[in-house]
Full PDB file with SEQRES, HELIX, SHEET, SSBOND, CRYST1, ORIGX, SCALE, CONECT and MASTER records, all heavy atoms in Angstrom:
SEQRES   1 A   40  GLN ALA LEU ILE ASP LYS SER GLN GLU HIS VAL GLU GLY          
SEQRES   2 A   40  GLU VAL THR LEU LYS LEU TYR LYS GLY ASN VAL ILE THR          
SEQRES   3 A   40  ALA GLY ARG ALA SER PRO LYS SER LEU TYR SER SER THR          
SEQRES   4 A   40  LEU                                                          
HELIX    1 AA1 ALA A    2  SER A    7  1                                   6    
SHEET    1 AA1 2 GLU A  14  TYR A  20  0                                        
SHEET    2 AA1 2 ASN A  23  ALA A  30 -1                                        
CRYST1    1.000    1.000    1.000  90.00  90.00  90.00 P 1           1          
ORIGX1      1.000000  0.000000  0.000000        0.00000                         
ORIGX2      0.000000  1.000000  0.000000        0.00000                         
ORIGX3      0.000000  0.000000  1.000000        0.00000                         
SCALE1      1.000000  0.000000  0.000000        0.00000                         
SCALE2      0.000000  1.000000  0.000000        0.00000                         
SCALE3      0.000000  0.000000  1.000000        0.00000                         
ATOM      1  N   GLN A   1      28.865 101.650 -34.065  1.00  0.00           N  
ATOM      2  CA  GLN A   1      27.609 101.916 -33.356  1.00  0.00           C  
ATOM      3  C   GLN A   1      26.586 102.545 -34.293  1.00  0.00           C  
ATOM      4  O   GLN A   1      25.395 102.209 -34.242  1.00  0.00           O  
ATOM      5  CB  GLN A   1      27.856 102.838 -32.164  1.00  0.00           C  
ATOM      6  CG  GLN A   1      26.658 102.935 -31.225  1.00  0.00           C  
ATOM      7  CD  GLN A   1      26.451 101.653 -30.435  1.00  0.00           C  
ATOM      8  OE1 GLN A   1      27.330 101.199 -29.732  1.00  0.00           O  
ATOM      9  NE2 GLN A   1      25.263 101.067 -30.569  1.00  0.00           N  
ATOM     10  N   ALA A   2      27.050 103.452 -35.157  1.00  0.00           N  
ATOM     11  CA  ALA A   2      26.139 104.088 -36.103  1.00  0.00           C  
ATOM     12  C   ALA A   2      25.528 103.050 -37.042  1.00  0.00           C  
ATOM     13  O   ALA A   2      24.325 103.094 -37.347  1.00  0.00           O  
ATOM     14  CB  ALA A   2      26.879 105.162 -36.898  1.00  0.00           C  
ATOM     15  N   LEU A   3      26.335 102.114 -37.489  1.00  0.00           N  
ATOM     16  CA  LEU A   3      25.836 101.036 -38.355  1.00  0.00           C  
ATOM     17  C   LEU A   3      24.819 100.179 -37.608  1.00  0.00           C  
ATOM     18  O   LEU A   3      23.742  99.864 -38.121  1.00  0.00           O  
ATOM     19  CB  LEU A   3      27.013 100.192 -38.836  1.00  0.00           C  
ATOM     20  CG  LEU A   3      26.749  99.046 -39.823  1.00  0.00           C  
ATOM     21  CD1 LEU A   3      28.019  98.758 -40.622  1.00  0.00           C  
ATOM     22  CD2 LEU A   3      26.310  97.769 -39.121  1.00  0.00           C  
ATOM     23  N   ILE A   4      25.179  99.807 -36.375  1.00  0.00           N  
ATOM     24  CA  ILE A   4      24.296  98.965 -35.562  1.00  0.00           C  
ATOM     25  C   ILE A   4      22.973  99.666 -35.296  1.00  0.00           C  
ATOM     26  O   ILE A   4      21.888  99.084 -35.443  1.00  0.00           O  
ATOM     27  CB  ILE A   4      25.003  98.588 -34.242  1.00  0.00           C  
ATOM     28  CG1 ILE A   4      26.171  97.636 -34.532  1.00  0.00           C  
ATOM     29  CG2 ILE A   4      24.019  97.974 -33.247  1.00  0.00           C  
ATOM     30  CD1 ILE A   4      27.208  97.590 -33.439  1.00  0.00           C  
ATOM     31  N   ASP A   5      23.035 100.942 -34.906  1.00  0.00           N  
ATOM     32  CA  ASP A   5      21.818 101.687 -34.589  1.00  0.00           C  
ATOM     33  C   ASP A   5      20.926 101.837 -35.823  1.00  0.00           C  
ATOM     34  O   ASP A   5      19.692 101.792 -35.727  1.00  0.00           O  
ATOM     35  CB  ASP A   5      22.167 103.058 -34.011  1.00  0.00           C  
ATOM     36  CG  ASP A   5      22.806 102.961 -32.631  1.00  0.00           C  
ATOM     37  OD1 ASP A   5      22.809 101.857 -32.052  1.00  0.00           O  
ATOM     38  OD2 ASP A   5      23.308 103.990 -32.139  1.00  0.00           O  
ATOM     39  N   LYS A   6      21.536 102.019 -36.997  1.00  0.00           N  
ATOM     40  CA  LYS A   6      20.756 102.102 -38.239  1.00  0.00           C  
ATOM     41  C   LYS A   6      19.972 100.803 -38.462  1.00  0.00           C  
ATOM     42  O   LYS A   6      18.811 100.829 -38.908  1.00  0.00           O  
ATOM     43  CB  LYS A   6      21.700 102.363 -39.417  1.00  0.00           C  
ATOM     44  CG  LYS A   6      21.031 102.361 -40.783  1.00  0.00           C  
ATOM     45  CD  LYS A   6      20.069 103.527 -40.947  1.00  0.00           C  
ATOM     46  CE  LYS A   6      19.464 103.555 -42.337  1.00  0.00           C  
ATOM     47  NZ  LYS A   6      18.447 104.634 -42.488  1.00  0.00           N  
ATOM     48  N   SER A   7      20.576  99.683 -38.116  1.00  0.00           N  
ATOM     49  CA  SER A   7      19.920  98.383 -38.323  1.00  0.00           C  
ATOM     50  C   SER A   7      18.706  98.185 -37.427  1.00  0.00           C  
ATOM     51  O   SER A   7      17.881  97.307 -37.684  1.00  0.00           O  
ATOM     52  CB  SER A   7      20.918  97.244 -38.079  1.00  0.00           C  
ATOM     53  OG  SER A   7      21.144  97.047 -36.685  1.00  0.00           O  
ATOM     54  N   GLN A   8      18.590  98.988 -36.386  1.00  0.00           N  
ATOM     55  CA  GLN A   8      17.544  98.759 -35.392  1.00  0.00           C  
ATOM     56  C   GLN A   8      16.269  99.578 -35.617  1.00  0.00           C  
ATOM     57  O   GLN A   8      15.336  99.516 -34.811  1.00  0.00           O  
ATOM     58  CB  GLN A   8      18.097  99.085 -33.993  1.00  0.00           C  
ATOM     59  CG  GLN A   8      19.321  98.273 -33.603  1.00  0.00           C  
ATOM     60  CD  GLN A   8      19.040  96.790 -33.486  1.00  0.00           C  
ATOM     61  OE1 GLN A   8      18.365  96.340 -32.575  1.00  0.00           O  
ATOM     62  NE2 GLN A   8      19.555  96.007 -34.432  1.00  0.00           N  
ATOM     63  N   GLU A   9      16.212 100.320 -36.706  1.00  0.00           N  
ATOM     64  CA  GLU A   9      15.077 101.215 -36.946  1.00  0.00           C  
ATOM     65  C   GLU A   9      13.731 100.491 -36.933  1.00  0.00           C  
ATOM     66  O   GLU A   9      12.718 101.047 -36.505  1.00  0.00           O  
ATOM     67  CB  GLU A   9      15.257 101.944 -38.276  1.00  0.00           C  
ATOM     68  CG  GLU A   9      16.365 102.991 -38.244  1.00  0.00           C  
ATOM     69  CD  GLU A   9      16.541 103.692 -39.583  1.00  0.00           C  
ATOM     70  OE1 GLU A   9      15.969 103.203 -40.590  1.00  0.00           O  
ATOM     71  OE2 GLU A   9      17.228 104.725 -39.623  1.00  0.00           O  
ATOM     72  N   HIS A  10      13.702  99.259 -37.397  1.00  0.00           N  
ATOM     73  CA  HIS A  10      12.436  98.516 -37.477  1.00  0.00           C  
ATOM     74  C   HIS A  10      12.390  97.320 -36.521  1.00  0.00           C  
ATOM     75  O   HIS A  10      11.518  96.457 -36.658  1.00  0.00           O  
ATOM     76  CB  HIS A  10      12.209  98.039 -38.912  1.00  0.00           C  
ATOM     77  CG  HIS A  10      12.152  99.154 -39.911  1.00  0.00           C  
ATOM     78  ND1 HIS A  10      11.165 100.111 -39.908  1.00  0.00           N  
ATOM     79  CD2 HIS A  10      12.995  99.491 -40.928  1.00  0.00           C  
ATOM     80  CE1 HIS A  10      11.370 100.973 -40.882  1.00  0.00           C  
ATOM     81  NE2 HIS A  10      12.485 100.622 -41.517  1.00  0.00           N  
ATOM     82  N   VAL A  11      13.315  97.300 -35.567  1.00  0.00           N  
ATOM     83  CA  VAL A  11      13.343  96.187 -34.604  1.00  0.00           C  
ATOM     84  C   VAL A  11      12.386  96.513 -33.461  1.00  0.00           C  
ATOM     85  O   VAL A  11      12.757  97.118 -32.455  1.00  0.00           O  
ATOM     86  CB  VAL A  11      14.782  95.922 -34.091  1.00  0.00           C  
ATOM     87  CG1 VAL A  11      14.781  94.774 -33.084  1.00  0.00           C  
ATOM     88  CG2 VAL A  11      15.695  95.597 -35.268  1.00  0.00           C  
ATOM     89  N   GLU A  12      11.144  96.161 -33.658  1.00  0.00           N  
ATOM     90  CA  GLU A  12      10.125  96.412 -32.638  1.00  0.00           C  
ATOM     91  C   GLU A  12       9.127  95.264 -32.624  1.00  0.00           C  
ATOM     92  O   GLU A  12       8.989  94.524 -33.592  1.00  0.00           O  
ATOM     93  CB  GLU A  12       9.410  97.738 -32.894  1.00  0.00           C  
ATOM     94  CG  GLU A  12       8.610  97.795 -34.184  1.00  0.00           C  
ATOM     95  CD  GLU A  12       7.882  99.120 -34.349  1.00  0.00           C  
ATOM     96  OE1 GLU A  12       8.536 100.107 -34.710  1.00  0.00           O  
ATOM     97  OE2 GLU A  12       6.652  99.142 -34.117  1.00  0.00           O  
ATOM     98  N   GLY A  13       8.453  95.128 -31.491  1.00  0.00           N  
ATOM     99  CA  GLY A  13       7.498  94.043 -31.333  1.00  0.00           C  
ATOM    100  C   GLY A  13       7.615  93.415 -29.972  1.00  0.00           C  
ATOM    101  O   GLY A  13       8.133  94.036 -29.030  1.00  0.00           O  
ATOM    102  N   GLU A  14       7.147  92.195 -29.838  1.00  0.00           N  
ATOM    103  CA  GLU A  14       7.133  91.523 -28.538  1.00  0.00           C  
ATOM    104  C   GLU A  14       7.592  90.080 -28.681  1.00  0.00           C  
ATOM    105  O   GLU A  14       7.228  89.384 -29.626  1.00  0.00           O  
ATOM    106  CB  GLU A  14       5.725  91.570 -27.940  1.00  0.00           C  
ATOM    107  CG  GLU A  14       5.662  91.127 -26.486  1.00  0.00           C  
ATOM    108  CD  GLU A  14       4.295  91.378 -25.876  1.00  0.00           C  
ATOM    109  OE1 GLU A  14       3.309  90.760 -26.342  1.00  0.00           O  
ATOM    110  OE2 GLU A  14       4.202  92.196 -24.945  1.00  0.00           O  
ATOM    111  N   VAL A  15       8.403  89.660 -27.724  1.00  0.00           N  
ATOM    112  CA  VAL A  15       8.941  88.303 -27.697  1.00  0.00           C  
ATOM    113  C   VAL A  15       8.418  87.594 -26.454  1.00  0.00           C  
ATOM    114  O   VAL A  15       8.400  88.161 -25.364  1.00  0.00           O  
ATOM    115  CB  VAL A  15      10.484  88.321 -27.680  1.00  0.00           C  
ATOM    116  CG1 VAL A  15      11.040  86.916 -27.502  1.00  0.00           C  
ATOM    117  CG2 VAL A  15      11.028  88.954 -28.955  1.00  0.00           C  
ATOM    118  N   THR A  16       8.003  86.359 -26.618  1.00  0.00           N  
ATOM    119  CA  THR A  16       7.564  85.533 -25.503  1.00  0.00           C  
ATOM    120  C   THR A  16       8.647  84.501 -25.189  1.00  0.00           C  
ATOM    121  O   THR A  16       9.082  83.765 -26.077  1.00  0.00           O  
ATOM    122  CB  THR A  16       6.242  84.811 -25.827  1.00  0.00           C  
ATOM    123  OG1 THR A  16       5.249  85.775 -26.175  1.00  0.00           O  
ATOM    124  CG2 THR A  16       5.766  84.009 -24.619  1.00  0.00           C  
ATOM    125  N   LEU A  17       9.069  84.482 -23.937  1.00  0.00           N  
ATOM    126  CA  LEU A  17      10.125  83.570 -23.499  1.00  0.00           C  
ATOM    127  C   LEU A  17       9.626  82.683 -22.371  1.00  0.00           C  
ATOM    128  O   LEU A  17       8.760  83.086 -21.586  1.00  0.00           O  
ATOM    129  CB  LEU A  17      11.339  84.358 -22.997  1.00  0.00           C  
ATOM    130  CG  LEU A  17      12.017  85.337 -23.938  1.00  0.00           C  
ATOM    131  CD1 LEU A  17      13.075  86.128 -23.183  1.00  0.00           C  
ATOM    132  CD2 LEU A  17      12.633  84.612 -25.125  1.00  0.00           C  
ATOM    133  N   LYS A  18      10.213  81.495 -22.295  1.00  0.00           N  
ATOM    134  CA  LYS A  18      10.018  80.636 -21.133  1.00  0.00           C  
ATOM    135  C   LYS A  18      11.367  80.459 -20.443  1.00  0.00           C  
ATOM    136  O   LYS A  18      12.358  80.099 -21.099  1.00  0.00           O  
ATOM    137  CB  LYS A  18       9.434  79.285 -21.541  1.00  0.00           C  
ATOM    138  CG  LYS A  18       7.977  79.371 -21.964  1.00  0.00           C  
ATOM    139  CD  LYS A  18       7.351  78.001 -22.158  1.00  0.00           C  
ATOM    140  CE  LYS A  18       5.858  78.139 -22.461  1.00  0.00           C  
ATOM    141  NZ  LYS A  18       5.208  76.813 -22.614  1.00  0.00           N  
ATOM    142  N   LEU A  19      11.394  80.754 -19.160  1.00  0.00           N  
ATOM    143  CA  LEU A  19      12.619  80.659 -18.372  1.00  0.00           C  
ATOM    144  C   LEU A  19      12.540  79.390 -17.535  1.00  0.00           C  
ATOM    145  O   LEU A  19      11.599  79.202 -16.755  1.00  0.00           O  
ATOM    146  CB  LEU A  19      12.755  81.892 -17.465  1.00  0.00           C  
ATOM    147  CG  LEU A  19      12.504  83.250 -18.132  1.00  0.00           C  
ATOM    148  CD1 LEU A  19      12.618  84.376 -17.112  1.00  0.00           C  
ATOM    149  CD2 LEU A  19      13.452  83.472 -19.303  1.00  0.00           C  
ATOM    150  N   TYR A  20      13.537  78.525 -17.696  1.00  0.00           N  
ATOM    151  CA  TYR A  20      13.438  77.222 -17.032  1.00  0.00           C  
ATOM    152  C   TYR A  20      14.828  76.667 -16.719  1.00  0.00           C  
ATOM    153  O   TYR A  20      15.598  76.352 -17.627  1.00  0.00           O  
ATOM    154  CB  TYR A  20      12.673  76.238 -17.909  1.00  0.00           C  
ATOM    155  CG  TYR A  20      12.445  74.878 -17.285  1.00  0.00           C  
ATOM    156  CD1 TYR A  20      11.610  74.732 -16.179  1.00  0.00           C  
ATOM    157  CD2 TYR A  20      13.071  73.755 -17.800  1.00  0.00           C  
ATOM    158  CE1 TYR A  20      11.396  73.488 -15.605  1.00  0.00           C  
ATOM    159  CE2 TYR A  20      12.867  72.503 -17.226  1.00  0.00           C  
ATOM    160  CZ  TYR A  20      12.029  72.368 -16.123  1.00  0.00           C  
ATOM    161  OH  TYR A  20      11.830  71.137 -15.553  1.00  0.00           O  
ATOM    162  N   LYS A  21      15.129  76.596 -15.445  1.00  0.00           N  
ATOM    163  CA  LYS A  21      16.347  75.937 -14.959  1.00  0.00           C  
ATOM    164  C   LYS A  21      17.606  76.334 -15.744  1.00  0.00           C  
ATOM    165  O   LYS A  21      18.312  75.506 -16.303  1.00  0.00           O  
ATOM    166  CB  LYS A  21      16.172  74.417 -14.958  1.00  0.00           C  
ATOM    167  CG  LYS A  21      15.176  73.922 -13.904  1.00  0.00           C  
ATOM    168  CD  LYS A  21      15.179  72.425 -13.807  1.00  0.00           C  
ATOM    169  CE  LYS A  21      14.252  71.944 -12.698  1.00  0.00           C  
ATOM    170  NZ  LYS A  21      14.680  72.356 -11.341  1.00  0.00           N  
ATOM    171  N   GLY A  22      17.860  77.631 -15.788  1.00  0.00           N  
ATOM    172  CA  GLY A  22      19.056  78.126 -16.449  1.00  0.00           C  
ATOM    173  C   GLY A  22      18.916  78.367 -17.932  1.00  0.00           C  
ATOM    174  O   GLY A  22      19.839  78.896 -18.564  1.00  0.00           O  
ATOM    175  N   ASN A  23      17.785  78.000 -18.506  1.00  0.00           N  
ATOM    176  CA  ASN A  23      17.577  78.136 -19.949  1.00  0.00           C  
ATOM    177  C   ASN A  23      16.620  79.277 -20.270  1.00  0.00           C  
ATOM    178  O   ASN A  23      15.678  79.546 -19.518  1.00  0.00           O  
ATOM    179  CB  ASN A  23      17.005  76.838 -20.528  1.00  0.00           C  
ATOM    180  CG  ASN A  23      17.983  75.688 -20.432  1.00  0.00           C  
ATOM    181  OD1 ASN A  23      19.030  75.693 -21.065  1.00  0.00           O  
ATOM    182  ND2 ASN A  23      17.651  74.700 -19.612  1.00  0.00           N  
ATOM    183  N   VAL A  24      16.880  79.925 -21.409  1.00  0.00           N  
ATOM    184  CA  VAL A  24      15.976  80.934 -21.949  1.00  0.00           C  
ATOM    185  C   VAL A  24      15.448  80.389 -23.270  1.00  0.00           C  
ATOM    186  O   VAL A  24      16.198  80.262 -24.239  1.00  0.00           O  
ATOM    187  CB  VAL A  24      16.687  82.276 -22.173  1.00  0.00           C  
ATOM    188  CG1 VAL A  24      15.682  83.322 -22.656  1.00  0.00           C  
ATOM    189  CG2 VAL A  24      17.372  82.749 -20.890  1.00  0.00           C  
ATOM    190  N   ILE A  25      14.168  80.051 -23.289  1.00  0.00           N  
ATOM    191  CA  ILE A  25      13.574  79.376 -24.444  1.00  0.00           C  
ATOM    192  C   ILE A  25      12.614  80.335 -25.143  1.00  0.00           C  
ATOM    193  O   ILE A  25      11.683  80.859 -24.528  1.00  0.00           O  
ATOM    194  CB  ILE A  25      12.805  78.117 -23.993  1.00  0.00           C  
ATOM    195  CG1 ILE A  25      13.738  77.184 -23.210  1.00  0.00           C  
ATOM    196  CG2 ILE A  25      12.184  77.395 -25.182  1.00  0.00           C  
ATOM    197  CD1 ILE A  25      13.010  76.173 -22.347  1.00  0.00           C  
ATOM    198  N   THR A  26      12.843  80.577 -26.416  1.00  0.00           N  
ATOM    199  CA  THR A  26      11.951  81.444 -27.188  1.00  0.00           C  
ATOM    200  C   THR A  26      10.686  80.677 -27.544  1.00  0.00           C  
ATOM    201  O   THR A  26      10.737  79.619 -28.171  1.00  0.00           O  
ATOM    202  CB  THR A  26      12.637  81.942 -28.471  1.00  0.00           C  
ATOM    203  OG1 THR A  26      13.833  82.646 -28.121  1.00  0.00           O  
ATOM    204  CG2 THR A  26      11.722  82.868 -29.245  1.00  0.00           C  
ATOM    205  N   ALA A  27       9.545  81.246 -27.137  1.00  0.00           N  
ATOM    206  CA  ALA A  27       8.261  80.589 -27.388  1.00  0.00           C  
ATOM    207  C   ALA A  27       7.451  81.299 -28.466  1.00  0.00           C  
ATOM    208  O   ALA A  27       6.530  80.715 -29.051  1.00  0.00           O  
ATOM    209  CB  ALA A  27       7.451  80.514 -26.091  1.00  0.00           C  
ATOM    210  N   GLY A  28       7.764  82.568 -28.725  1.00  0.00           N  
ATOM    211  CA  GLY A  28       7.018  83.300 -29.747  1.00  0.00           C  
ATOM    212  C   GLY A  28       7.614  84.661 -29.986  1.00  0.00           C  
ATOM    213  O   GLY A  28       8.359  85.181 -29.156  1.00  0.00           O  
ATOM    214  N   ARG A  29       7.334  85.225 -31.154  1.00  0.00           N  
ATOM    215  CA  ARG A  29       7.768  86.569 -31.486  1.00  0.00           C  
ATOM    216  C   ARG A  29       6.799  87.162 -32.495  1.00  0.00           C  
ATOM    217  O   ARG A  29       6.340  86.461 -33.409  1.00  0.00           O  
ATOM    218  CB  ARG A  29       9.216  86.607 -31.981  1.00  0.00           C  
ATOM    219  CG  ARG A  29       9.550  85.982 -33.308  1.00  0.00           C  
ATOM    220  CD  ARG A  29       9.441  84.501 -33.355  1.00  0.00           C  
ATOM    221  NE  ARG A  29      10.675  83.794 -33.006  1.00  0.00           N  
ATOM    222  CZ  ARG A  29      10.695  82.508 -32.763  1.00  0.00           C  
ATOM    223  NH1 ARG A  29       9.567  81.789 -32.848  1.00  0.00           N  
ATOM    224  NH2 ARG A  29      11.808  81.894 -32.456  1.00  0.00           N  
ATOM    225  N   ALA A  30       6.457  88.453 -32.310  1.00  0.00           N  
ATOM    226  CA  ALA A  30       5.496  89.121 -33.187  1.00  0.00           C  
ATOM    227  C   ALA A  30       5.904  90.579 -33.348  1.00  0.00           C  
ATOM    228  O   ALA A  30       6.412  91.199 -32.407  1.00  0.00           O  
ATOM    229  CB  ALA A  30       4.087  89.033 -32.615  1.00  0.00           C  
ATOM    230  N   SER A  31       5.689  91.115 -34.559  1.00  0.00           N  
ATOM    231  CA  SER A  31       6.059  92.499 -34.821  1.00  0.00           C  
ATOM    232  C   SER A  31       5.219  93.079 -35.946  1.00  0.00           C  
ATOM    233  O   SER A  31       4.973  92.406 -36.950  1.00  0.00           O  
ATOM    234  CB  SER A  31       7.543  92.592 -35.198  1.00  0.00           C  
ATOM    235  OG  SER A  31       7.865  93.894 -35.658  1.00  0.00           O  
ATOM    236  N   PRO A  32       4.814  94.358 -35.810  1.00  0.00           N  
ATOM    237  CA  PRO A  32       4.141  95.020 -36.932  1.00  0.00           C  
ATOM    238  C   PRO A  32       5.094  95.273 -38.102  1.00  0.00           C  
ATOM    239  O   PRO A  32       4.658  95.572 -39.211  1.00  0.00           O  
ATOM    240  CB  PRO A  32       3.653  96.337 -36.317  1.00  0.00           C  
ATOM    241  CG  PRO A  32       4.579  96.585 -35.162  1.00  0.00           C  
ATOM    242  CD  PRO A  32       4.907  95.234 -34.629  1.00  0.00           C  
ATOM    243  N   LYS A  33       6.405  95.143 -37.850  1.00  0.00           N  
ATOM    244  CA  LYS A  33       7.416  95.337 -38.896  1.00  0.00           C  
ATOM    245  C   LYS A  33       8.017  94.003 -39.351  1.00  0.00           C  
ATOM    246  O   LYS A  33       9.095  93.981 -39.935  1.00  0.00           O  
ATOM    247  CB  LYS A  33       8.529  96.247 -38.364  1.00  0.00           C  
ATOM    248  CG  LYS A  33       8.077  97.621 -37.880  1.00  0.00           C  
ATOM    249  CD  LYS A  33       7.664  98.511 -39.036  1.00  0.00           C  
ATOM    250  CE  LYS A  33       7.308  99.912 -38.573  1.00  0.00           C  
ATOM    251  NZ  LYS A  33       8.484 100.672 -38.109  1.00  0.00           N  
ATOM    252  N   SER A  34       7.331  92.923 -39.090  1.00  0.00           N  
ATOM    253  CA  SER A  34       7.870  91.594 -39.395  1.00  0.00           C  
ATOM    254  C   SER A  34       8.081  91.383 -40.893  1.00  0.00           C  
ATOM    255  O   SER A  34       7.263  91.794 -41.719  1.00  0.00           O  
ATOM    256  CB  SER A  34       6.928  90.511 -38.865  1.00  0.00           C  
ATOM    257  OG  SER A  34       7.415  89.220 -39.206  1.00  0.00           O  
ATOM    258  N   LEU A  35       9.186  90.735 -41.230  1.00  0.00           N  
ATOM    259  CA  LEU A  35       9.480  90.329 -42.606  1.00  0.00           C  
ATOM    260  C   LEU A  35       9.109  88.867 -42.847  1.00  0.00           C  
ATOM    261  O   LEU A  35       9.278  88.355 -43.962  1.00  0.00           O  
ATOM    262  CB  LEU A  35      10.970  90.535 -42.907  1.00  0.00           C  
ATOM    263  CG  LEU A  35      11.467  91.988 -42.881  1.00  0.00           C  
ATOM    264  CD1 LEU A  35      12.986  92.025 -43.011  1.00  0.00           C  
ATOM    265  CD2 LEU A  35      10.813  92.802 -43.980  1.00  0.00           C  
ATOM    266  N   TYR A  36       8.620  88.216 -41.821  1.00  0.00           N  
ATOM    267  CA  TYR A  36       8.240  86.809 -41.942  1.00  0.00           C  
ATOM    268  C   TYR A  36       6.903  86.693 -42.660  1.00  0.00           C  
ATOM    269  O   TYR A  36       5.928  87.375 -42.312  1.00  0.00           O  
ATOM    270  CB  TYR A  36       8.145  86.172 -40.555  1.00  0.00           C  
ATOM    271  CG  TYR A  36       7.823  84.697 -40.576  1.00  0.00           C  
ATOM    272  CD1 TYR A  36       8.833  83.752 -40.656  1.00  0.00           C  
ATOM    273  CD2 TYR A  36       6.504  84.249 -40.524  1.00  0.00           C  
ATOM    274  CE1 TYR A  36       8.550  82.396 -40.684  1.00  0.00           C  
ATOM    275  CE2 TYR A  36       6.213  82.900 -40.547  1.00  0.00           C  
ATOM    276  CZ  TYR A  36       7.236  81.976 -40.626  1.00  0.00           C  
ATOM    277  OH  TYR A  36       6.946  80.640 -40.661  1.00  0.00           O  
ATOM    278  N   SER A  37       6.844  85.837 -43.653  1.00  0.00           N  
ATOM    279  CA  SER A  37       5.607  85.654 -44.422  1.00  0.00           C  
ATOM    280  C   SER A  37       5.213  84.185 -44.415  1.00  0.00           C  
ATOM    281  O   SER A  37       5.890  83.346 -45.017  1.00  0.00           O  
ATOM    282  CB  SER A  37       5.793  86.133 -45.867  1.00  0.00           C  
ATOM    283  OG  SER A  37       4.678  85.747 -46.667  1.00  0.00           O  
ATOM    284  N   SER A  38       4.106  83.878 -43.761  1.00  0.00           N  
ATOM    285  CA  SER A  38       3.622  82.496 -43.745  1.00  0.00           C  
ATOM    286  C   SER A  38       3.155  82.075 -45.132  1.00  0.00           C  
ATOM    287  O   SER A  38       3.198  80.890 -45.488  1.00  0.00           O  
ATOM    288  CB  SER A  38       2.486  82.342 -42.736  1.00  0.00           C  
ATOM    289  OG  SER A  38       1.431  83.240 -43.028  1.00  0.00           O  
ATOM    290  N   THR A  39       2.745  83.057 -45.942  1.00  0.00           N  
ATOM    291  CA  THR A  39       2.318  82.752 -47.315  1.00  0.00           C  
ATOM    292  C   THR A  39       3.496  82.221 -48.131  1.00  0.00           C  
ATOM    293  O   THR A  39       3.355  81.283 -48.927  1.00  0.00           O  
ATOM    294  CB  THR A  39       1.749  84.011 -47.987  1.00  0.00           C  
ATOM    295  OG1 THR A  39       0.664  84.505 -47.211  1.00  0.00           O  
ATOM    296  CG2 THR A  39       1.268  83.706 -49.401  1.00  0.00           C  
ATOM    297  N   LEU A  40       4.669  82.821 -47.933  1.00  0.00           N  
ATOM    298  CA  LEU A  40       5.842  82.399 -48.697  1.00  0.00           C  
ATOM    299  C   LEU A  40       6.369  81.040 -48.250  1.00  0.00           C  
ATOM    300  O   LEU A  40       6.863  80.268 -49.072  1.00  0.00           O  
ATOM    301  CB  LEU A  40       6.957  83.447 -48.562  1.00  0.00           C  
ATOM    302  CG  LEU A  40       6.758  84.753 -49.336  1.00  0.00           C  
ATOM    303  CD1 LEU A  40       7.865  85.747 -48.988  1.00  0.00           C  
ATOM    304  CD2 LEU A  40       6.739  84.499 -50.841  1.00  0.00           C  
TER     305      LEU A  40                                                      
MASTER        0    0    0    1    2    0    0    6  304    1    0    4          
END                                                                             
């Protein structure tokens, strides 16, 4: 648990989902701590 909790320090932001007939579909995700780089 200590290891898991340490990993969550920067897990923040907002996720957009679409719920449809038993499915959970990820439509978007954004975070001020994002490591995703569109430039790269």
